[in-house]
Amino acid sequence: MQIEPVGHISSPVTEPVDHGWGDIVSLVRLNPEFAAGLTGLDRCSHVIVVFWMHDAKFELATDLTRHHRGRTDMPKTGPFAQRARDRPNRIGITPVKLLGVDGATITVQELDAIDGTPVLNVKPYMPVFDRVNEATVPEYIDRFLADYFLAAGLSP
């Protein structure tokens, strides 16, 4: 399998952080040859950014089961039951608010990717496809992620 980046992220965040992404405005800078592929995207309010978490690490011996963010008040779970960046394949997928499109650059808010992150794909967020009715998560998740988008005054 071969996947090539279509661009990269320009963000004021240069090191991974675990919360406060709500007010972060980032630029998704696509390679110039993909600029025409953004035609019509500006009519959407949100997009999904697929990216490669290049600074993440995964160690089979230590990361196969772990506490969320090392917090012992959270149960141990595997990476497929978490949204942690350290996972077997470092693919990140985040729906974000679209602020604008200019040439090959997409301005977004709430993207939890650091500066220089390779972009693999961009898709319009479409509620008919990208939502799940009656989704549930373990009770501790709301408590655990209470500060993830705190800067924007949002809740999990």
N, C-alpha and C. Protein backbone atom coordinates (compact mmCIF):
# COMPACT_ATOMS: atom_id res chain seq x y z
N MET A 1 0.84 -1.16 0.00
CA MET A 1 0.00 0.00 0.00
C MET A 1 0.89 1.23 0.00
N GLN A 2 0.49 2.21 -0.77
CA GLN A 2 1.24 3.46 -0.82
C GLN A 2 0.27 4.62 -0.71
N ILE A 3 0.55 5.50 0.25
CA ILE A 3 -0.26 6.70 0.44
C ILE A 3 0.67 7.88 0.40
N GLU A 4 0.33 8.86 -0.41
CA GLU A 4 1.14 10.07 -0.52
C GLU A 4 0.36 11.25 0.05
N PRO A 5 1.01 12.11 0.81
CA PRO A 5 0.32 13.30 1.32
C PRO A 5 -0.13 14.20 0.17
N VAL A 6 -1.27 14.86 0.39
CA VAL A 6 -1.77 15.84 -0.59
C VAL A 6 -1.47 17.26 -0.14
N GLY A 7 -0.87 17.39 1.04
CA GLY A 7 -0.53 18.70 1.58
C GLY A 7 -0.02 18.57 2.99
N HIS A 8 -0.06 19.68 3.73
CA HIS A 8 0.39 19.68 5.12
C HIS A 8 -0.38 20.73 5.92
N ILE A 9 -0.28 20.64 7.23
CA ILE A 9 -0.95 21.55 8.14
C ILE A 9 0.00 22.66 8.56
N SER A 10 -0.49 23.90 8.55
CA SER A 10 0.20 25.02 9.19
C SER A 10 -0.63 25.37 10.42
N SER A 11 -0.03 25.23 11.59
CA SER A 11 -0.75 25.45 12.85
C SER A 11 0.13 26.19 13.83
N PRO A 12 -0.46 26.99 14.71
CA PRO A 12 0.33 27.61 15.77
C PRO A 12 0.77 26.60 16.83
N VAL A 13 0.19 25.40 16.81
CA VAL A 13 0.55 24.37 17.77
C VAL A 13 1.68 23.54 17.17
N THR A 14 2.82 23.52 17.86
CA THR A 14 4.00 22.85 17.32
C THR A 14 4.35 21.55 18.05
N GLU A 15 3.74 21.32 19.20
CA GLU A 15 3.96 20.09 19.97
C GLU A 15 2.59 19.49 20.30
N PRO A 16 2.47 18.16 20.35
CA PRO A 16 1.19 17.55 20.69
C PRO A 16 0.69 17.99 22.06
N VAL A 17 -0.59 18.32 22.15
CA VAL A 17 -1.25 18.65 23.41
C VAL A 17 -2.54 17.84 23.51
N ASP A 18 -3.05 17.71 24.72
CA ASP A 18 -4.22 16.86 24.94
C ASP A 18 -5.52 17.62 25.15
N HIS A 19 -5.50 18.94 25.02
CA HIS A 19 -6.74 19.69 25.22
C HIS A 19 -6.57 21.11 24.67
N GLY A 20 -7.68 21.85 24.64
CA GLY A 20 -7.65 23.25 24.24
C GLY A 20 -7.65 23.50 22.74
N TRP A 21 -8.16 22.57 21.95
CA TRP A 21 -8.14 22.73 20.49
C TRP A 21 -9.26 23.61 19.95
N GLY A 22 -10.21 23.98 20.78
CA GLY A 22 -11.41 24.68 20.32
C GLY A 22 -11.19 25.95 19.54
N ASP A 23 -10.25 26.79 19.97
CA ASP A 23 -10.03 28.08 19.31
C ASP A 23 -8.88 28.06 18.30
N ILE A 24 -8.26 26.92 18.11
CA ILE A 24 -7.10 26.84 17.21
C ILE A 24 -7.56 26.97 15.76
N VAL A 25 -6.98 27.93 15.06
CA VAL A 25 -7.23 28.11 13.62
C VAL A 25 -5.99 27.62 12.89
N SER A 26 -6.19 26.70 11.96
CA SER A 26 -5.10 26.11 11.19
C SER A 26 -5.34 26.28 9.70
N LEU A 27 -4.27 26.15 8.96
CA LEU A 27 -4.35 26.16 7.50
C LEU A 27 -4.04 24.76 6.99
N VAL A 28 -4.92 24.24 6.16
CA VAL A 28 -4.67 22.99 5.46
C VAL A 28 -4.14 23.42 4.10
N ARG A 29 -2.86 23.27 3.90
CA ARG A 29 -2.21 23.72 2.66
C ARG A 29 -2.03 22.52 1.72
N LEU A 30 -2.90 22.44 0.72
CA LEU A 30 -2.77 21.35 -0.25
C LEU A 30 -1.67 21.68 -1.24
N ASN A 31 -1.10 20.65 -1.81
CA ASN A 31 -0.14 20.85 -2.89
C ASN A 31 -0.85 21.58 -4.03
N PRO A 32 -0.16 22.49 -4.72
CA PRO A 32 -0.80 23.33 -5.74
C PRO A 32 -1.59 22.56 -6.79
N GLU A 33 -1.15 21.37 -7.14
CA GLU A 33 -1.85 20.61 -8.19
C GLU A 33 -3.25 20.17 -7.77
N PHE A 34 -3.57 20.27 -6.48
CA PHE A 34 -4.89 19.87 -6.00
C PHE A 34 -5.84 21.05 -5.79
N ALA A 35 -5.41 22.27 -6.07
CA ALA A 35 -6.22 23.47 -5.81
C ALA A 35 -7.60 23.38 -6.48
N ALA A 36 -7.66 22.97 -7.72
CA ALA A 36 -8.94 22.89 -8.43
C ALA A 36 -9.88 21.88 -7.78
N GLY A 37 -9.33 20.91 -7.06
CA GLY A 37 -10.14 19.92 -6.37
C GLY A 37 -10.94 20.49 -5.21
N LEU A 38 -10.65 21.72 -4.82
CA LEU A 38 -11.39 22.36 -3.73
C LEU A 38 -12.61 23.13 -4.22
N THR A 39 -12.83 23.14 -5.53
CA THR A 39 -13.98 23.85 -6.09
C THR A 39 -15.27 23.37 -5.45
N GLY A 40 -16.05 24.29 -4.90
CA GLY A 40 -17.33 23.98 -4.28
C GLY A 40 -17.25 23.67 -2.80
N LEU A 41 -16.05 23.41 -2.28
CA LEU A 41 -15.93 23.08 -0.86
C LEU A 41 -16.35 24.25 0.03
N ASP A 42 -16.18 25.46 -0.46
CA ASP A 42 -16.52 26.65 0.33
C ASP A 42 -18.01 26.77 0.63
N ARG A 43 -18.83 25.94 0.03
CA ARG A 43 -20.26 25.95 0.30
C ARG A 43 -20.61 25.12 1.54
N CYS A 44 -19.62 24.44 2.09
CA CYS A 44 -19.83 23.59 3.27
C CYS A 44 -19.44 24.34 4.54
N SER A 45 -20.07 23.99 5.64
CA SER A 45 -19.72 24.61 6.92
C SER A 45 -18.62 23.85 7.64
N HIS A 46 -18.49 22.55 7.34
CA HIS A 46 -17.51 21.71 8.01
C HIS A 46 -16.88 20.74 7.01
N VAL A 47 -15.65 20.36 7.30
CA VAL A 47 -14.95 19.36 6.50
C VAL A 47 -14.32 18.33 7.43
N ILE A 48 -13.96 17.21 6.86
CA ILE A 48 -13.23 16.18 7.59
C ILE A 48 -11.81 16.17 7.04
N VAL A 49 -10.85 16.30 7.93
CA VAL A 49 -9.44 16.27 7.53
C VAL A 49 -8.85 14.94 7.97
N VAL A 50 -8.24 14.24 7.03
CA VAL A 50 -7.56 12.98 7.31
C VAL A 50 -6.07 13.26 7.23
N PHE A 51 -5.34 12.90 8.27
CA PHE A 51 -3.93 13.28 8.34
C PHE A 51 -3.08 12.17 8.95
N TRP A 52 -1.78 12.30 8.78
CA TRP A 52 -0.81 11.33 9.29
C TRP A 52 -0.12 11.95 10.51
N MET A 53 -0.33 11.36 11.68
CA MET A 53 0.24 11.89 12.92
C MET A 53 1.72 11.52 13.00
N HIS A 54 2.52 12.28 12.28
CA HIS A 54 3.93 11.95 12.06
C HIS A 54 4.77 11.92 13.33
N ASP A 55 4.39 12.62 14.37
CA ASP A 55 5.16 12.62 15.61
C ASP A 55 4.67 11.58 16.62
N ALA A 56 3.63 10.85 16.29
CA ALA A 56 3.10 9.84 17.21
C ALA A 56 4.00 8.61 17.20
N LYS A 57 3.90 7.87 18.28
CA LYS A 57 4.69 6.63 18.40
C LYS A 57 3.77 5.54 18.93
N PHE A 58 4.08 4.30 18.60
CA PHE A 58 3.33 3.17 19.12
C PHE A 58 4.31 2.05 19.43
N GLU A 59 4.25 1.59 20.66
CA GLU A 59 5.08 0.47 21.09
C GLU A 59 4.14 -0.67 21.49
N LEU A 60 4.21 -1.78 20.79
CA LEU A 60 3.32 -2.91 21.04
C LEU A 60 3.37 -3.33 22.50
N ALA A 61 4.55 -3.37 23.08
CA ALA A 61 4.72 -3.85 24.45
C ALA A 61 4.03 -2.95 25.48
N THR A 62 3.97 -1.65 25.22
CA THR A 62 3.44 -0.73 26.23
C THR A 62 2.12 -0.08 25.84
N ASP A 63 1.80 -0.02 24.57
CA ASP A 63 0.62 0.74 24.14
C ASP A 63 -0.58 -0.11 23.74
N LEU A 64 -0.45 -1.43 23.81
CA LEU A 64 -1.57 -2.28 23.40
C LEU A 64 -2.75 -2.16 24.38
N THR A 65 -2.46 -2.03 25.65
CA THR A 65 -3.47 -1.64 26.64
C THR A 65 -2.82 -0.59 27.53
N ARG A 66 -3.59 0.45 27.82
CA ARG A 66 -3.04 1.55 28.61
C ARG A 66 -4.17 2.40 29.17
N HIS A 67 -3.82 3.21 30.16
CA HIS A 67 -4.75 4.19 30.69
C HIS A 67 -4.77 5.38 29.73
N HIS A 68 -5.93 5.97 29.50
CA HIS A 68 -6.03 7.18 28.68
C HIS A 68 -5.09 8.24 29.25
N ARG A 69 -4.22 8.79 28.41
CA ARG A 69 -3.28 9.84 28.79
C ARG A 69 -2.50 9.51 30.06
N GLY A 70 -2.35 8.24 30.36
CA GLY A 70 -1.61 7.83 31.56
C GLY A 70 -2.37 8.05 32.86
N ARG A 71 -3.63 8.40 32.78
CA ARG A 71 -4.42 8.69 33.99
C ARG A 71 -4.94 7.39 34.60
N THR A 72 -4.48 7.09 35.79
CA THR A 72 -4.87 5.84 36.44
C THR A 72 -6.32 5.85 36.93
N ASP A 73 -6.99 7.02 36.90
CA ASP A 73 -8.41 7.05 37.25
C ASP A 73 -9.28 6.62 36.07
N MET A 74 -8.66 6.35 34.94
CA MET A 74 -9.37 5.86 33.77
C MET A 74 -9.04 4.37 33.60
N PRO A 75 -9.99 3.58 33.10
CA PRO A 75 -9.70 2.16 32.91
C PRO A 75 -8.68 1.94 31.79
N LYS A 76 -7.99 0.82 31.87
CA LYS A 76 -7.08 0.45 30.77
C LYS A 76 -7.92 -0.01 29.59
N THR A 77 -7.58 0.49 28.42
CA THR A 77 -8.24 0.07 27.19
C THR A 77 -7.19 -0.01 26.09
N GLY A 78 -7.56 -0.60 24.99
CA GLY A 78 -6.65 -0.71 23.86
C GLY A 78 -6.75 0.50 22.94
N PRO A 79 -5.80 0.67 22.03
CA PRO A 79 -5.80 1.83 21.15
C PRO A 79 -7.02 1.91 20.24
N PHE A 80 -7.65 0.77 19.95
CA PHE A 80 -8.83 0.79 19.09
C PHE A 80 -10.08 1.20 19.86
N ALA A 81 -9.96 1.32 21.18
CA ALA A 81 -11.06 1.81 22.03
C ALA A 81 -10.77 3.22 22.52
N GLN A 82 -9.74 3.84 21.96
CA GLN A 82 -9.34 5.20 22.32
C GLN A 82 -9.19 6.05 21.07
N ARG A 83 -9.09 7.36 21.27
CA ARG A 83 -8.80 8.28 20.17
C ARG A 83 -7.38 8.82 20.29
N ALA A 84 -6.54 8.13 21.04
CA ALA A 84 -5.17 8.57 21.30
C ALA A 84 -4.36 8.61 20.01
N ARG A 85 -3.35 9.48 19.99
CA ARG A 85 -2.51 9.62 18.80
C ARG A 85 -1.53 8.46 18.65
N ASP A 86 -1.13 7.82 19.75
CA ASP A 86 -0.18 6.71 19.67
C ASP A 86 -0.94 5.42 19.39
N ARG A 87 -0.92 5.01 18.12
CA ARG A 87 -1.70 3.86 17.67
C ARG A 87 -0.94 3.13 16.56
N PRO A 88 -1.32 1.88 16.24
CA PRO A 88 -0.56 1.12 15.25
C PRO A 88 -0.39 1.83 13.90
N ASN A 89 -1.45 2.40 13.38
CA ASN A 89 -1.35 3.24 12.18
C ASN A 89 -1.74 4.64 12.62
N ARG A 90 -0.88 5.59 12.35
CA ARG A 90 -1.00 6.93 12.92
C ARG A 90 -1.92 7.83 12.10
N ILE A 91 -3.07 7.31 11.73
CA ILE A 91 -4.03 8.07 10.93
C ILE A 91 -4.94 8.86 11.86
N GLY A 92 -5.06 10.15 11.62
CA GLY A 92 -5.97 11.01 12.35
C GLY A 92 -7.11 11.43 11.45
N ILE A 93 -8.31 11.50 12.00
CA ILE A 93 -9.49 11.92 11.24
C ILE A 93 -10.28 12.86 12.15
N THR A 94 -10.45 14.11 11.71
CA THR A 94 -11.14 15.08 12.55
C THR A 94 -12.10 15.93 11.72
N PRO A 95 -13.38 16.00 12.13
CA PRO A 95 -14.29 16.96 11.51
C PRO A 95 -14.01 18.35 12.10
N VAL A 96 -13.94 19.35 11.26
CA VAL A 96 -13.58 20.71 11.69
C VAL A 96 -14.50 21.74 11.04
N LYS A 97 -14.51 22.92 11.63
CA LYS A 97 -15.28 24.03 11.07
C LYS A 97 -14.48 24.64 9.92
N LEU A 98 -15.14 24.82 8.78
CA LEU A 98 -14.50 25.44 7.62
C LEU A 98 -14.69 26.95 7.70
N LEU A 99 -13.57 27.68 7.72
CA LEU A 99 -13.62 29.14 7.78
C LEU A 99 -13.43 29.78 6.42
N GLY A 100 -12.76 29.07 5.50
CA GLY A 100 -12.56 29.65 4.18
C GLY A 100 -11.68 28.80 3.29
N VAL A 101 -11.76 29.08 2.00
CA VAL A 101 -10.93 28.42 0.99
C VAL A 101 -10.33 29.50 0.13
N ASP A 102 -9.02 29.44 -0.07
CA ASP A 102 -8.32 30.41 -0.90
C ASP A 102 -7.25 29.67 -1.69
N GLY A 103 -7.50 29.47 -2.98
CA GLY A 103 -6.55 28.72 -3.79
C GLY A 103 -6.44 27.29 -3.29
N ALA A 104 -5.24 26.88 -2.90
CA ALA A 104 -5.02 25.53 -2.40
C ALA A 104 -4.99 25.48 -0.88
N THR A 105 -5.46 26.55 -0.23
CA THR A 105 -5.42 26.62 1.23
C THR A 105 -6.82 26.65 1.82
N ILE A 106 -7.04 25.80 2.82
CA ILE A 106 -8.31 25.72 3.53
C ILE A 106 -8.04 26.21 4.95
N THR A 107 -8.81 27.18 5.41
CA THR A 107 -8.69 27.65 6.78
C THR A 107 -9.76 26.97 7.62
N VAL A 108 -9.34 26.34 8.73
CA VAL A 108 -10.25 25.56 9.56
C VAL A 108 -10.05 25.89 11.03
N GLN A 109 -11.03 25.51 11.84
CA GLN A 109 -10.94 25.69 13.29
C GLN A 109 -11.21 24.36 13.96
N GLU A 110 -10.49 24.09 15.07
CA GLU A 110 -10.65 22.90 15.90
C GLU A 110 -9.91 21.68 15.36
N LEU A 111 -8.93 21.86 14.51
CA LEU A 111 -8.16 20.72 13.99
C LEU A 111 -7.08 20.36 14.99
N ASP A 112 -7.13 19.15 15.50
CA ASP A 112 -6.17 18.69 16.50
C ASP A 112 -4.96 18.03 15.84
N ALA A 113 -4.27 18.80 15.02
CA ALA A 113 -3.05 18.35 14.35
C ALA A 113 -2.01 19.46 14.48
N ILE A 114 -0.76 19.05 14.68
CA ILE A 114 0.30 20.03 14.90
C ILE A 114 0.90 20.53 13.58
N ASP A 115 1.64 21.60 13.69
CA ASP A 115 2.29 22.22 12.53
C ASP A 115 3.16 21.20 11.79
N GLY A 116 3.03 21.17 10.48
CA GLY A 116 3.83 20.26 9.66
C GLY A 116 3.21 18.89 9.43
N THR A 117 2.06 18.62 10.03
CA THR A 117 1.41 17.33 9.87
C THR A 117 1.02 17.10 8.41
N PRO A 118 1.39 15.94 7.83
CA PRO A 118 0.98 15.62 6.46
C PRO A 118 -0.53 15.39 6.37
N VAL A 119 -1.13 15.93 5.33
CA VAL A 119 -2.57 15.76 5.06
C VAL A 119 -2.73 14.65 4.03
N LEU A 120 -3.61 13.69 4.33
CA LEU A 120 -3.86 12.58 3.41
C LEU A 120 -5.10 12.81 2.56
N ASN A 121 -6.10 13.50 3.12
CA ASN A 121 -7.34 13.70 2.38
C ASN A 121 -8.18 14.77 3.07
N VAL A 122 -9.09 15.35 2.33
CA VAL A 122 -10.08 16.30 2.84
C VAL A 122 -11.41 15.91 2.22
N LYS A 123 -12.45 15.86 3.06
CA LYS A 123 -13.78 15.51 2.57
C LYS A 123 -14.79 16.47 3.17
N PRO A 124 -15.88 16.76 2.46
CA PRO A 124 -16.93 17.58 3.08
C PRO A 124 -17.63 16.77 4.17
N TYR A 125 -17.96 17.43 5.26
CA TYR A 125 -18.77 16.79 6.29
C TYR A 125 -20.21 16.79 5.79
N MET A 126 -20.82 15.63 5.75
CA MET A 126 -22.20 15.50 5.29
C MET A 126 -23.00 14.75 6.34
N PRO A 127 -23.91 15.44 7.01
CA PRO A 127 -24.65 14.81 8.11
C PRO A 127 -25.32 13.49 7.75
N VAL A 128 -25.77 13.35 6.53
CA VAL A 128 -26.43 12.11 6.14
C VAL A 128 -25.48 10.91 6.21
N PHE A 129 -24.17 11.14 5.99
CA PHE A 129 -23.18 10.07 6.04
C PHE A 129 -22.40 10.04 7.35
N ASP A 130 -22.14 11.21 7.92
CA ASP A 130 -21.14 11.35 8.97
C ASP A 130 -21.72 11.46 10.37
N ARG A 131 -22.86 10.90 10.59
CA ARG A 131 -23.44 10.91 11.93
C ARG A 131 -23.97 9.51 12.24
N VAL A 132 -24.14 9.28 13.51
CA VAL A 132 -24.67 8.00 13.96
C VAL A 132 -25.78 8.29 14.95
N ASN A 133 -26.95 7.76 14.71
CA ASN A 133 -28.05 7.92 15.65
C ASN A 133 -27.82 7.03 16.86
N GLU A 134 -28.12 7.55 18.03
CA GLU A 134 -28.09 6.79 19.27
C GLU A 134 -26.72 6.20 19.59
N ALA A 135 -25.66 6.92 19.29
CA ALA A 135 -24.31 6.46 19.62
C ALA A 135 -24.10 6.53 21.13
N THR A 136 -23.37 5.58 21.66
CA THR A 136 -23.04 5.57 23.08
C THR A 136 -21.54 5.37 23.26
N VAL A 137 -21.03 5.88 24.38
CA VAL A 137 -19.63 5.68 24.78
C VAL A 137 -19.63 5.40 26.27
N PRO A 138 -18.56 4.81 26.80
CA PRO A 138 -18.49 4.59 28.24
C PRO A 138 -18.64 5.91 29.01
N GLU A 139 -19.21 5.86 30.21
CA GLU A 139 -19.50 7.07 30.99
C GLU A 139 -18.27 7.91 31.27
N TYR A 140 -17.12 7.29 31.42
CA TYR A 140 -15.92 8.05 31.78
C TYR A 140 -15.41 8.92 30.63
N ILE A 141 -15.83 8.68 29.41
CA ILE A 141 -15.34 9.45 28.27
C ILE A 141 -15.71 10.93 28.37
N ASP A 142 -16.94 11.23 28.73
CA ASP A 142 -17.34 12.64 28.87
C ASP A 142 -16.49 13.35 29.92
N ARG A 143 -16.24 12.69 31.03
CA ARG A 143 -15.40 13.27 32.09
C ARG A 143 -13.97 13.45 31.60
N PHE A 144 -13.48 12.46 30.91
CA PHE A 144 -12.10 12.46 30.43
C PHE A 144 -11.85 13.56 29.39
N LEU A 145 -12.80 13.79 28.51
CA LEU A 145 -12.61 14.74 27.42
C LEU A 145 -13.24 16.11 27.68
N ALA A 146 -13.59 16.40 28.91
CA ALA A 146 -14.28 17.65 29.24
C ALA A 146 -13.51 18.89 28.81
N ASP A 147 -12.19 18.83 28.74
CA ASP A 147 -11.39 20.01 28.40
C ASP A 147 -10.82 19.99 26.98
N TYR A 148 -11.20 19.01 26.18
CA TYR A 148 -10.58 18.87 24.86
C TYR A 148 -10.82 20.09 23.97
N PHE A 149 -12.06 20.58 23.93
CA PHE A 149 -12.40 21.77 23.16
C PHE A 149 -12.75 22.94 24.07
N LEU A 150 -12.29 22.91 25.30
CA LEU A 150 -12.65 23.89 26.31
C LEU A 150 -12.44 25.33 25.86
N ALA A 151 -11.41 25.58 25.10
CA ALA A 151 -11.10 26.96 24.69
C ALA A 151 -12.25 27.59 23.93
N ALA A 152 -13.04 26.79 23.23
CA ALA A 152 -14.16 27.33 22.46
C ALA A 152 -15.46 27.28 23.25
N GLY A 153 -15.38 26.83 24.51
CA GLY A 153 -16.59 26.74 25.32
C GLY A 153 -17.49 25.60 24.90
N LEU A 154 -16.92 24.62 24.24
CA LEU A 154 -17.70 23.48 23.78
C LEU A 154 -17.58 22.36 24.79
N SER A 155 -18.49 21.43 24.74
CA SER A 155 -18.41 20.26 25.60
C SER A 155 -18.35 19.03 24.72
N PRO A 156 -17.91 17.91 25.30
CA PRO A 156 -17.76 16.69 24.49
C PRO A 156 -19.08 16.20 23.92
